[in-house]
């Protein structure tokens, strides 16, 4: 009798557990792309600052394997108690999703922990910085996978802001000789090109007028036009057949007879 009663109770309890597990309390992990991008960002920050950075996401029980873990060393690699990380910082998140039949509210517990060389005050300032940058409890509840990787990549910046980590060294720019400046144009041509064009036009018109005047003058003074018919030649020579002028009465004097004289 007792054996049958215990079997009935166990069967009812198992059925209630199976039927009550509708998947509403499952914590989704980060997407593969979110994990890969976060690992790459954390690897660059770790190389420049000498600190390992990572994340850890757990469900509401908090026991067993985490839902997701990762760091600058890779997806699935934790930084806590890792020999390769003497200094480390990690954002740890635990999400609590009660079943639909429960009256409890959803909750997210966020903590930032690190190696022993980080003080409690520094870790608290870093954790408070996450909420100030918009990674609030509601964000963790709505999308825990995205929120935990987003919080992890903010750890290097918040650690520097809290004074717990030295800022990354800025690479010095390569020394290059400055290229010569282009030759500047003449201000005379730039500011007065209109006046210069007008002056050039006036000079061209003046030159044309002078040429026209010279041509017309040459035509009016050409030989055979306007000269007197009996004018002497320029060489000063006497024309042929023209003798010296005879005085009046010369012919009469020659024909006079002696008797009349």
C-alpha atoms as a PDB file:
ATOM      1  CA  UNK A   1       0.000   0.000   0.000  1.00  0.00           C
ATOM      2  CA  UNK A   2       2.724   2.490   0.967  1.00  0.00           C
ATOM      3  CA  UNK A   3       4.758   1.496  -2.040  1.00  0.00           C
ATOM      4  CA  UNK A   4       1.867   2.273  -4.366  1.00  0.00           C
ATOM      5  CA  UNK A   5       1.183   5.593  -2.675  1.00  0.00           C
ATOM      6  CA  UNK A   6       4.802   6.687  -2.925  1.00  0.00           C
ATOM      7  CA  UNK A   7       4.902   5.693  -6.576  1.00  0.00           C
ATOM      8  CA  UNK A   8       1.806   7.767  -7.313  1.00  0.00           C
ATOM      9  CA  UNK A   9       3.241  10.823  -5.570  1.00  0.00           C
ATOM     10  CA  UNK A  10       6.546  10.479  -7.422  1.00  0.00           C
ATOM     11  CA  UNK A  11       4.780  10.160 -10.756  1.00  0.00           C
ATOM     12  CA  UNK A  12       2.657  13.233 -10.095  1.00  0.00           C
ATOM     13  CA  UNK A  13       5.684  15.236  -9.015  1.00  0.00           C
ATOM     14  CA  UNK A  14       7.668  14.244 -12.105  1.00  0.00           C
ATOM     15  CA  UNK A  15       4.744  15.058 -14.344  1.00  0.00           C
ATOM     16  CA  UNK A  16       4.333  18.465 -12.744  1.00  0.00           C
ATOM     17  CA  UNK A  17       8.012  19.215 -13.238  1.00  0.00           C
ATOM     18  CA  UNK A  18       7.979  18.100 -16.867  1.00  0.00           C
ATOM     19  CA  UNK A  19       4.801  19.928 -17.688  1.00  0.00           C
ATOM     20  CA  UNK A  20       5.910  23.059 -15.843  1.00  0.00           C
ATOM     21  CA  UNK A  21       9.171  23.318 -17.788  1.00  0.00           C
ATOM     22  CA  UNK A  22       7.891  25.273 -20.803  1.00  0.00           C
ATOM     23  CA  UNK A  23      11.252  26.821 -21.686  1.00  0.00           C
ATOM     24  CA  UNK A  24      10.327  30.289 -20.422  1.00  0.00           C
ATOM     25  CA  UNK A  25      13.149  30.209 -17.854  1.00  0.00           C
ATOM     26  CA  UNK A  26      15.901  29.406 -20.389  1.00  0.00           C
ATOM     27  CA  UNK A  27      18.688  31.997 -20.580  1.00  0.00           C
ATOM     28  CA  UNK A  28      19.774  32.538 -24.220  1.00  0.00           C
ATOM     29  CA  UNK A  29      23.554  32.730 -24.828  1.00  0.00           C
ATOM     30  CA  UNK A  30      25.253  35.337 -27.040  1.00  0.00           C
ATOM     31  CA  UNK A  31      25.176  34.774 -30.772  1.00  0.00           C
ATOM     32  CA  UNK A  32      28.301  33.415 -32.448  1.00  0.00           C
ATOM     33  CA  UNK A  33      28.989  36.735 -34.180  1.00  0.00           C
ATOM     34  CA  UNK A  34      28.705  38.614 -30.878  1.00  0.00           C
ATOM     35  CA  UNK A  35      31.182  36.247 -29.219  1.00  0.00           C
ATOM     36  CA  UNK A  36      33.700  36.435 -32.069  1.00  0.00           C
ATOM     37  CA  UNK A  37      33.577  40.244 -32.255  1.00  0.00           C
ATOM     38  CA  UNK A  38      33.978  40.551 -28.484  1.00  0.00           C
ATOM     39  CA  UNK A  39      36.990  38.230 -28.442  1.00  0.00           C
ATOM     40  CA  UNK A  40      38.727  40.317 -31.136  1.00  0.00           C
ATOM     41  CA  UNK A  41      38.104  43.613 -29.311  1.00  0.00           C
ATOM     42  CA  UNK A  42      39.236  42.230 -25.951  1.00  0.00           C
ATOM     43  CA  UNK A  43      42.386  40.759 -27.524  1.00  0.00           C
ATOM     44  CA  UNK A  44      43.485  44.200 -28.755  1.00  0.00           C
ATOM     45  CA  UNK A  45      42.770  45.817 -25.376  1.00  0.00           C
ATOM     46  CA  UNK A  46      44.591  43.065 -23.479  1.00  0.00           C
ATOM     47  CA  UNK A  47      47.663  43.330 -25.698  1.00  0.00           C
ATOM     48  CA  UNK A  48      47.973  47.083 -25.099  1.00  0.00           C
ATOM     49  CA  UNK A  49      47.074  47.168 -21.386  1.00  0.00           C
ATOM     50  CA  UNK A  50      48.483  43.874 -20.090  1.00  0.00           C
ATOM     51  CA  UNK A  51      45.173  42.801 -18.497  1.00  0.00           C
ATOM     52  CA  UNK A  52      42.914  39.881 -19.425  1.00  0.00           C
ATOM     53  CA  UNK A  53      39.225  40.687 -19.909  1.00  0.00           C
ATOM     54  CA  UNK A  54      36.317  38.265 -20.063  1.00  0.00           C
ATOM     55  CA  UNK A  55      32.652  37.515 -19.383  1.00  0.00           C
ATOM     56  CA  UNK A  56      30.563  34.818 -17.717  1.00  0.00           C
ATOM     57  CA  UNK A  57      26.790  34.274 -18.077  1.00  0.00           C
ATOM     58  CA  UNK A  58      24.872  31.910 -15.796  1.00  0.00           C
ATOM     59  CA  UNK A  59      21.253  30.895 -15.396  1.00  0.00           C
ATOM     60  CA  UNK A  60      19.145  31.426 -12.291  1.00  0.00           C
ATOM     61  CA  UNK A  61      20.444  28.282 -10.581  1.00  0.00           C
ATOM     62  CA  UNK A  62      24.073  29.349 -10.792  1.00  0.00           C
ATOM     63  CA  UNK A  63      25.347  25.787 -10.631  1.00  0.00           C
ATOM     64  CA  UNK A  64      27.158  23.691 -13.188  1.00  0.00           C
ATOM     65  CA  UNK A  65      28.568  24.995 -16.435  1.00  0.00           C
ATOM     66  CA  UNK A  66      27.827  28.616 -17.326  1.00  0.00           C
ATOM     67  CA  UNK A  67      25.562  29.467 -20.246  1.00  0.00           C
ATOM     68  CA  UNK A  68      28.435  31.335 -21.938  1.00  0.00           C
ATOM     69  CA  UNK A  69      32.008  32.218 -21.078  1.00  0.00           C
ATOM     70  CA  UNK A  70      34.706  33.957 -23.099  1.00  0.00           C
ATOM     71  CA  UNK A  71      37.668  36.315 -22.962  1.00  0.00           C
ATOM     72  CA  UNK A  72      40.468  37.797 -24.967  1.00  0.00           C
ATOM     73  CA  UNK A  73      41.919  34.255 -25.044  1.00  0.00           C
ATOM     74  CA  UNK A  74      38.943  32.975 -27.045  1.00  0.00           C
ATOM     75  CA  UNK A  75      35.338  31.856 -26.911  1.00  0.00           C
ATOM     76  CA  UNK A  76      34.806  29.365 -24.078  1.00  0.00           C
ATOM     77  CA  UNK A  77      38.047  30.347 -22.295  1.00  0.00           C
ATOM     78  CA  UNK A  78      37.663  31.941 -18.867  1.00  0.00           C
ATOM     79  CA  UNK A  79      40.149  34.352 -17.309  1.00  0.00           C
ATOM     80  CA  UNK A  80      39.440  33.547 -13.669  1.00  0.00           C
ATOM     81  CA  UNK A  81      42.174  31.320 -12.203  1.00  0.00           C
ATOM     82  CA  UNK A  82      43.813  31.100 -15.615  1.00  0.00           C
ATOM     83  CA  UNK A  83      47.644  30.830 -15.422  1.00  0.00           C
ATOM     84  CA  UNK A  84      47.946  32.893 -18.602  1.00  0.00           C
ATOM     85  CA  UNK A  85      46.213  35.839 -16.902  1.00  0.00           C
ATOM     86  CA  UNK A  86      48.006  37.144 -13.786  1.00  0.00           C
ATOM     87  CA  UNK A  87      45.814  40.261 -13.967  1.00  0.00           C
ATOM     88  CA  UNK A  88      42.237  39.897 -15.058  1.00  0.00           C
ATOM     89  CA  UNK A  89      38.816  41.517 -14.993  1.00  0.00           C
ATOM     90  CA  UNK A  90      35.538  39.758 -15.646  1.00  0.00           C
ATOM     91  CA  UNK A  91      31.874  40.701 -15.767  1.00  0.00           C
ATOM     92  CA  UNK A  92      29.722  37.979 -14.227  1.00  0.00           C
ATOM     93  CA  UNK A  93      25.956  37.960 -14.839  1.00  0.00           C
ATOM     94  CA  UNK A  94      23.302  35.647 -13.431  1.00  0.00           C
ATOM     95  CA  UNK A  95      19.825  35.807 -14.956  1.00  0.00           C
ATOM     96  CA  UNK A  96      16.700  34.595 -13.155  1.00  0.00           C
ATOM     97  CA  UNK A  97      13.639  33.842 -15.306  1.00  0.00           C
ATOM     98  CA  UNK A  98      10.830  32.391 -13.174  1.00  0.00           C
ATOM     99  CA  UNK A  99       8.257  30.153 -14.818  1.00  0.00           C
ATOM    100  CA  UNK A 100       5.064  31.639 -16.167  1.00  0.00           C
ATOM    101  CA  UNK A 101       3.108  30.138 -13.304  1.00  0.00           C
ATOM    102  CA  UNK A 102       5.308  31.935 -10.754  1.00  0.00           C
ATOM    103  CA  UNK A 103       4.524  35.343  -9.344  1.00  0.00           C
ATOM    104  CA  UNK A 104       8.219  36.282  -9.098  1.00  0.00           C
ATOM    105  CA  UNK A 105       9.757  38.925 -11.340  1.00  0.00           C
ATOM    106  CA  UNK A 106      12.653  38.523 -13.727  1.00  0.00           C
ATOM    107  CA  UNK A 107      15.993  39.536 -12.215  1.00  0.00           C
ATOM    108  CA  UNK A 108      19.579  40.064 -13.317  1.00  0.00           C
ATOM    109  CA  UNK A 109      22.527  40.048 -10.930  1.00  0.00           C
ATOM    110  CA  UNK A 110      25.592  41.800 -12.330  1.00  0.00           C
ATOM    111  CA  UNK A 111      29.018  41.745 -10.737  1.00  0.00           C
ATOM    112  CA  UNK A 112      32.544  42.709 -11.799  1.00  0.00           C
ATOM    113  CA  UNK A 113      35.334  40.700 -10.229  1.00  0.00           C
ATOM    114  CA  UNK A 114      39.037  40.559 -10.828  1.00  0.00           C
ATOM    115  CA  UNK A 115      42.441  39.463  -9.620  1.00  0.00           C
ATOM    116  CA  UNK A 116      43.718  40.366  -6.192  1.00  0.00           C
ATOM    117  CA  UNK A 117      45.562  43.513  -7.332  1.00  0.00           C
ATOM    118  CA  UNK A 118      42.231  45.262  -7.999  1.00  0.00           C
ATOM    119  CA  UNK A 119      40.634  46.839  -4.942  1.00  0.00           C
ATOM    120  CA  UNK A 120      36.977  46.470  -4.024  1.00  0.00           C
ATOM    121  CA  UNK A 121      36.412  50.192  -4.626  1.00  0.00           C
ATOM    122  CA  UNK A 122      37.850  49.957  -8.146  1.00  0.00           C
ATOM    123  CA  UNK A 123      35.667  46.957  -8.997  1.00  0.00           C
ATOM    124  CA  UNK A 124      32.597  48.764  -7.668  1.00  0.00           C
ATOM    125  CA  UNK A 125      33.328  51.858  -9.761  1.00  0.00           C
ATOM    126  CA  UNK A 126      33.675  49.694 -12.861  1.00  0.00           C
ATOM    127  CA  UNK A 127      30.365  47.947 -12.155  1.00  0.00           C
ATOM    128  CA  UNK A 128      28.594  51.265 -11.629  1.00  0.00           C
ATOM    129  CA  UNK A 129      30.049  52.508 -14.886  1.00  0.00           C
ATOM    130  CA  UNK A 130      28.195  49.799 -16.812  1.00  0.00           C
ATOM    131  CA  UNK A 131      24.819  51.120 -15.702  1.00  0.00           C
ATOM    132  CA  UNK A 132      25.915  54.683 -16.419  1.00  0.00           C
ATOM    133  CA  UNK A 133      26.752  53.667 -19.991  1.00  0.00           C
ATOM    134  CA  UNK A 134      23.282  52.164 -20.496  1.00  0.00           C
ATOM    135  CA  UNK A 135      23.933  48.474 -19.701  1.00  0.00           C
ATOM    136  CA  UNK A 136      21.240  48.340 -17.043  1.00  0.00           C
ATOM    137  CA  UNK A 137      19.470  45.454 -15.330  1.00  0.00           C
ATOM    138  CA  UNK A 138      16.573  45.717 -17.794  1.00  0.00           C
ATOM    139  CA  UNK A 139      18.964  45.356 -20.737  1.00  0.00           C
ATOM    140  CA  UNK A 140      20.428  42.186 -19.207  1.00  0.00           C
ATOM    141  CA  UNK A 141      16.930  40.769 -18.696  1.00  0.00           C
ATOM    142  CA  UNK A 142      15.731  41.591 -22.227  1.00  0.00           C
ATOM    143  CA  UNK A 143      18.822  40.324 -24.076  1.00  0.00           C
ATOM    144  CA  UNK A 144      21.369  38.749 -21.725  1.00  0.00           C
ATOM    145  CA  UNK A 145      23.621  37.365 -24.466  1.00  0.00           C
ATOM    146  CA  UNK A 146      24.148  40.720 -26.183  1.00  0.00           C
ATOM    147  CA  UNK A 147      24.364  42.617 -22.881  1.00  0.00           C
ATOM    148  CA  UNK A 148      27.059  40.438 -21.313  1.00  0.00           C
ATOM    149  CA  UNK A 149      29.377  40.688 -24.334  1.00  0.00           C
ATOM    150  CA  UNK A 150      28.693  44.415 -24.586  1.00  0.00           C
ATOM    151  CA  UNK A 151      29.605  44.852 -20.925  1.00  0.00           C
ATOM    152  CA  UNK A 152      32.799  42.839 -21.421  1.00  0.00           C
ATOM    153  CA  UNK A 153      34.127  45.091 -24.200  1.00  0.00           C
ATOM    154  CA  UNK A 154      33.458  48.136 -21.984  1.00  0.00           C
ATOM    155  CA  UNK A 155      35.674  46.797 -19.193  1.00  0.00           C
ATOM    156  CA  UNK A 156      38.973  48.212 -20.600  1.00  0.00           C
ATOM    157  CA  UNK A 157      37.536  51.722 -20.862  1.00  0.00           C
ATOM    158  CA  UNK A 158      35.899  51.624 -17.442  1.00  0.00           C
ATOM    159  CA  UNK A 159      39.069  50.226 -15.853  1.00  0.00           C
ATOM    160  CA  UNK A 160      41.069  53.179 -17.162  1.00  0.00           C
ATOM    161  CA  UNK A 161      38.361  55.586 -16.027  1.00  0.00           C
ATOM    162  CA  UNK A 162      38.442  54.069 -12.517  1.00  0.00           C
ATOM    163  CA  UNK A 163      42.232  54.465 -12.370  1.00  0.00           C
ATOM    164  CA  UNK A 164      42.776  50.720 -12.087  1.00  0.00           C
ATOM    165  CA  UNK A 165      44.551  50.289 -15.437  1.00  0.00           C
ATOM    166  CA  UNK A 166      46.917  52.488 -17.387  1.00  0.00           C
ATOM    167  CA  UNK A 167      45.519  53.734 -20.706  1.00  0.00           C
ATOM    168  CA  UNK A 168      46.691  52.061 -23.859  1.00  0.00           C
ATOM    169  CA  UNK A 169      49.717  53.639 -25.490  1.00  0.00           C
ATOM    170  CA  UNK A 170      48.903  55.662 -28.566  1.00  0.00           C
ATOM    171  CA  UNK A 171      51.068  54.561 -31.516  1.00  0.00           C
ATOM    172  CA  UNK A 172      53.327  57.323 -32.792  1.00  0.00           C
ATOM    173  CA  UNK A 173      52.570  58.396 -36.339  1.00  0.00           C
ATOM    174  CA  UNK A 174      55.138  57.568 -38.973  1.00  0.00           C
ATOM    175  CA  UNK A 175      57.522  60.423 -39.684  1.00  0.00           C
ATOM    176  CA  UNK A 176      56.887  61.715 -43.148  1.00  0.00           C
ATOM    177  CA  UNK A 177      58.233  64.788 -44.841  1.00  0.00           C
ATOM    178  CA  UNK A 178      55.564  67.355 -45.546  1.00  0.00           C
ATOM    179  CA  UNK A 179      54.674  67.635 -49.186  1.00  0.00           C
ATOM    180  CA  UNK A 180      55.474  70.994 -50.777  1.00  0.00           C
ATOM    181  CA  UNK A 181      52.615  73.397 -51.087  1.00  0.00           C
ATOM    182  CA  UNK A 182      51.367  74.143 -54.592  1.00  0.00           C
ATOM    183  CA  UNK A 183      52.591  77.359 -56.106  1.00  0.00           C
ATOM    184  CA  UNK A 184      50.186  80.161 -55.487  1.00  0.00           C
ATOM    185  CA  UNK A 185      48.890  82.132 -58.451  1.00  0.00           C
ATOM    186  CA  UNK A 186      49.668  85.798 -59.023  1.00  0.00           C
ATOM    187  CA  UNK A 187      47.343  88.139 -57.173  1.00  0.00           C
ATOM    188  CA  UNK A 188      47.535  90.542 -60.119  1.00  0.00           C
ATOM    189  CA  UNK A 189      45.985  88.006 -62.482  1.00  0.00           C
ATOM    190  CA  UNK A 190      43.576  86.678 -59.893  1.00  0.00           C
ATOM    191  CA  UNK A 191      42.103  89.986 -58.760  1.00  0.00           C
ATOM    192  CA  UNK A 192      42.427  92.153 -61.897  1.00  0.00           C
ATOM    193  CA  UNK A 193      42.040  89.786 -64.813  1.00  0.00           C
ATOM    194  CA  UNK A 194      39.001  91.711 -66.073  1.00  0.00           C
ATOM    195  CA  UNK A 195      40.907  94.985 -66.192  1.00  0.00           C
ATOM    196  CA  UNK A 196      43.846  93.347 -67.909  1.00  0.00           C
ATOM    197  CA  UNK A 197      41.622  91.864 -70.599  1.00  0.00           C
ATOM    198  CA  UNK A 198      39.996  95.260 -71.207  1.00  0.00           C
ATOM    199  CA  UNK A 199      43.408  96.948 -71.480  1.00  0.00           C
ATOM    200  CA  UNK A 200      44.592  94.293 -73.930  1.00  0.00           C
ATOM    201  CA  UNK A 201      41.481  94.900 -76.049  1.00  0.00           C
ATOM    202  CA  UNK A 202      42.078  98.662 -76.127  1.00  0.00           C
ATOM    203  CA  UNK A 203      45.701  98.137 -77.170  1.00  0.00           C
ATOM    204  CA  UNK A 204      44.589  95.862 -79.997  1.00  0.00           C
ATOM    205  CA  UNK A 205      42.032  98.396 -81.267  1.00  0.00           C
ATOM    206  CA  UNK A 206      44.627 101.201 -81.098  1.00  0.00           C
ATOM    207  CA  UNK A 207      47.121  99.145 -83.083  1.00  0.00           C
ATOM    208  CA  UNK A 208      44.523  98.455 -85.770  1.00  0.00           C
ATOM    209  CA  UNK A 209      43.671 102.175 -86.055  1.00  0.00           C
ATOM    210  CA  UNK A 210      47.344 103.107 -86.431  1.00  0.00           C
ATOM    211  CA  UNK A 211      47.838 100.533 -89.184  1.00  0.00           C
ATOM    212  CA  UNK A 212      44.762 101.755 -91.082  1.00  0.00           C
ATOM    213  CA  UNK A 213      45.973 105.396 -90.845  1.00  0.00           C
ATOM    214  CA  UNK A 214      49.421 104.528 -92.184  1.00  0.00           C
ATOM    215  CA  UNK A 215      47.960 102.619 -95.132  1.00  0.00           C
ATOM    216  CA  UNK A 216      45.676 105.500 -96.117  1.00  0.00           C
ATOM    217  CA  UNK A 217      48.500 108.056 -95.869  1.00  0.00           C
ATOM    218  CA  UNK A 218      50.718 105.943 -98.096  1.00  0.00           C
ATOM    219  CA  UNK A 219      48.048 105.794-100.755  1.00  0.00           C
ATOM    220  CA  UNK A 220      47.510 109.594-100.834  1.00  0.00           C
ATOM    221  CA  UNK A 221      51.253 110.383-101.220  1.00  0.00           C
ATOM    222  CA  UNK A 222      52.024 107.854-103.963  1.00  0.00           C
ATOM    223  CA  UNK A 223      54.037 109.189-107.185  1.00  0.00           C
ATOM    224  CA  UNK A 224      51.936 110.725-110.063  1.00  0.00           C
ATOM    225  CA  UNK A 225      49.102 111.832-107.815  1.00  0.00           C
ATOM    226  CA  UNK A 226      48.719 115.613-107.085  1.00  0.00           C
ATOM    227  CA  UNK A 227      52.181 116.630-108.375  1.00  0.00           C
ATOM    228  CA  UNK A 228      52.680 119.719-110.727  1.00  0.00           C
ATOM    229  CA  UNK A 229      53.408 118.760-114.414  1.00  0.00           C
ATOM    230  CA  UNK A 230      56.405 121.107-114.804  1.00  0.00           C
ATOM    231  CA  UNK A 231      57.971 120.459-111.454  1.00  0.00           C
ATOM    232  CA  UNK A 232      61.697 119.699-111.636  1.00  0.00           C
ATOM    233  CA  UNK A 233      62.957 116.247-110.981  1.00  0.00           C
ATOM    234  CA  UNK A 234      64.391 115.377-107.552  1.00  0.00           C
ATOM    235  CA  UNK A 235      67.848 114.723-109.046  1.00  0.00           C
ATOM    236  CA  UNK A 236      68.245 118.397-110.079  1.00  0.00           C
ATOM    237  CA  UNK A 237      69.242 117.432-113.610  1.00  0.00           C
ATOM    238  CA  UNK A 238      68.019 119.613-116.554  1.00  0.00           C
ATOM    239  CA  UNK A 239      65.455 118.053-118.794  1.00  0.00           C
ATOM    240  CA  UNK A 240      66.652 117.164-122.295  1.00  0.00           C
ATOM    241  CA  UNK A 241      65.982 119.687-124.989  1.00  0.00           C
ATOM    242  CA  UNK A 242      65.409 122.492-122.642  1.00  0.00           C
ATOM    243  CA  UNK A 243      68.115 125.189-122.785  1.00  0.00           C
ATOM    244  CA  UNK A 244      68.710 128.225-120.656  1.00  0.00           C
ATOM    245  CA  UNK A 245      66.030 130.860-120.813  1.00  0.00           C
ATOM    246  CA  UNK A 246      66.687 133.680-123.323  1.00  0.00           C
ATOM    247  CA  UNK A 247      66.348 137.203-122.246  1.00  0.00           C
ATOM    248  CA  UNK A 248      63.779 139.428-123.973  1.00  0.00           C
ATOM    249  CA  UNK A 249      65.114 141.265-127.003  1.00  0.00           C
ATOM    250  CA  UNK A 250      68.030 138.891-127.511  1.00  0.00           C
ATOM    251  CA  UNK A 251      66.905 137.807-130.960  1.00  0.00           C
ATOM    252  CA  UNK A 252      66.474 141.418-132.077  1.00  0.00           C
ATOM    253  CA  UNK A 253      69.963 142.302-131.009  1.00  0.00           C
ATOM    254  CA  UNK A 254      71.482 139.541-133.076  1.00  0.00           C
ATOM    255  CA  UNK A 255      69.739 140.551-136.318  1.00  0.00           C
ATOM    256  CA  UNK A 256      70.670 144.174-136.131  1.00  0.00           C
ATOM    257  CA  UNK A 257      72.785 145.378-139.014  1.00  0.00           C
ATOM    258  CA  UNK A 258      75.878 147.497-138.473  1.00  0.00           C
ATOM    259  CA  UNK A 259      74.397 150.283-140.266  1.00  0.00           C
ATOM    260  CA  UNK A 260      71.645 150.613-137.804  1.00  0.00           C
ATOM    261  CA  UNK A 261      74.006 150.363-134.970  1.00  0.00           C
END
